[in-house]
Each structure stands twice: as structure tokens, then as C-alpha cells.
C-alpha atoms as a PDB file:
ATOM      1  CA  MET A   1       6.381 -24.818  49.772  1.00  0.00           C
ATOM      2  CA  THR A   2       4.808 -27.927  51.149  1.00  0.00           C
ATOM      3  CA  HIS A   3       1.063 -28.584  51.284  1.00  0.00           C
ATOM      4  CA  GLY A   4       0.943 -27.833  55.027  1.00  0.00           C
ATOM      5  CA  ALA A   5       2.974 -24.639  54.718  1.00  0.00           C
ATOM      6  CA  MET A   6       0.746 -23.395  51.906  1.00  0.00           C
ATOM      7  CA  GLN A   7      -2.394 -24.098  53.939  1.00  0.00           C
ATOM      8  CA  ARG A   8      -0.948 -22.225  56.935  1.00  0.00           C
ATOM      9  CA  GLU A   9      -0.031 -19.263  54.732  1.00  0.00           C
ATOM     10  CA  ALA A  10      -3.526 -19.182  53.220  1.00  0.00           C
ATOM     11  CA  SER A  11      -5.005 -19.170  56.739  1.00  0.00           C
ATOM     12  CA  ARG A  12      -2.653 -16.391  57.815  1.00  0.00           C
ATOM     13  CA  LEU A  13      -3.604 -14.272  54.807  1.00  0.00           C
ATOM     14  CA  ALA A  14      -7.319 -14.891  55.395  1.00  0.00           C
ATOM     15  CA  ARG A  15      -6.986 -13.738  59.019  1.00  0.00           C
ATOM     16  CA  SER A  16      -5.358 -10.558  57.668  1.00  0.00           C
ATOM     17  CA  GLY A  17      -8.378  -9.877  55.466  1.00  0.00           C
ATOM     18  CA  VAL A  18      -6.898 -11.010  52.152  1.00  0.00           C
ATOM     19  CA  PRO A  19      -9.390 -12.968  50.016  1.00  0.00           C
ATOM     20  CA  VAL A  20      -7.628 -16.287  49.627  1.00  0.00           C
ATOM     21  CA  ARG A  21      -8.479 -19.880  48.793  1.00  0.00           C
ATOM     22  CA  PHE A  22      -6.155 -22.850  49.124  1.00  0.00           C
ATOM     23  CA  LEU A  23      -6.515 -25.324  46.282  1.00  0.00           C
ATOM     24  CA  GLY A  24      -4.750 -28.629  46.884  1.00  0.00           C
ATOM     25  CA  LEU A  25      -3.881 -30.470  43.687  1.00  0.00           C
ATOM     26  CA  GLY A  26      -3.106 -33.774  45.358  1.00  0.00           C
ATOM     27  CA  ALA A  27       0.113 -35.733  45.086  1.00  0.00           C
ATOM     28  CA  VAL A  28       1.182 -34.526  41.657  1.00  0.00           C
ATOM     29  CA  GLY A  29       4.912 -34.064  42.194  1.00  0.00           C
ATOM     30  CA  HIS A  30       6.368 -32.221  39.236  1.00  0.00           C
ATOM     31  CA  ALA A  31       3.656 -33.191  36.765  1.00  0.00           C
ATOM     32  CA  PHE A  32       0.011 -32.277  36.368  1.00  0.00           C
ATOM     33  CA  THR A  33      -2.801 -34.793  36.633  1.00  0.00           C
ATOM     34  CA  PRO A  34      -5.377 -35.129  33.832  1.00  0.00           C
ATOM     35  CA  SER A  35      -7.862 -33.270  36.071  1.00  0.00           C
ATOM     36  CA  PHE A  36      -5.611 -30.188  36.292  1.00  0.00           C
ATOM     37  CA  GLY A  37      -7.665 -28.370  33.658  1.00  0.00           C
ATOM     38  CA  GLY A  38     -10.679 -28.471  35.973  1.00  0.00           C
ATOM     39  CA  TYR A  39      -8.647 -27.096  38.878  1.00  0.00           C
ATOM     40  CA  LEU A  40      -7.218 -24.366  36.692  1.00  0.00           C
ATOM     41  CA  GLU A  41     -10.637 -23.354  35.391  1.00  0.00           C
ATOM     42  CA  GLN A  42     -12.010 -23.106  38.967  1.00  0.00           C
ATOM     43  CA  ALA A  43      -8.996 -21.086  40.080  1.00  0.00           C
ATOM     44  CA  LEU A  44      -9.337 -18.633  37.200  1.00  0.00           C
ATOM     45  CA  VAL A  45     -13.055 -18.162  37.887  1.00  0.00           C
ATOM     46  CA  TRP A  46     -12.277 -17.472  41.560  1.00  0.00           C
ATOM     47  CA  LEU A  47      -9.472 -15.091  40.576  1.00  0.00           C
ATOM     48  CA  GLY A  48     -11.818 -13.051  38.392  1.00  0.00           C
ATOM     49  CA  GLY A  49     -14.547 -12.983  41.047  1.00  0.00           C
ATOM     50  CA  PRO A  50     -16.069  -9.956  42.808  1.00  0.00           C
ATOM     51  CA  HIS A  51     -13.057  -9.573  45.096  1.00  0.00           C
ATOM     52  CA  SER A  52     -10.617  -9.049  42.204  1.00  0.00           C
ATOM     53  CA  VAL A  53      -8.919  -5.738  41.587  1.00  0.00           C
ATOM     54  CA  SER A  54      -9.155  -4.468  38.033  1.00  0.00           C
END
């Protein structure tokens, strides 16, 4: 999916009541930037947040 399509899907899910957060990683193509570890850490924290299902 493209950046725009992913943002629209995140908005659609949010309107449906699904806890969602779009995290743009910038223009990385098929490789990860050196800052990817920071993005990943934030995403994992969010994923394990109070809205998660255990």
C-alpha cells in the first residue's frame, strides 16, 4: 500500500472504533533507515498499551 492509502485505511479504522495509529517511516523504499529502531520501539510500546487484547 502507498503512504496515502495506509493513512486513509487508518482513518477508516479509527472511525469504526478500532484503536489505530499511522506511523509513517518516510521515504525508505525497501530498506530501513538508521532511525527505524526508534520507530519500532514506539510501535511496540503502543501495541502493548492499555487498548491491547491479551
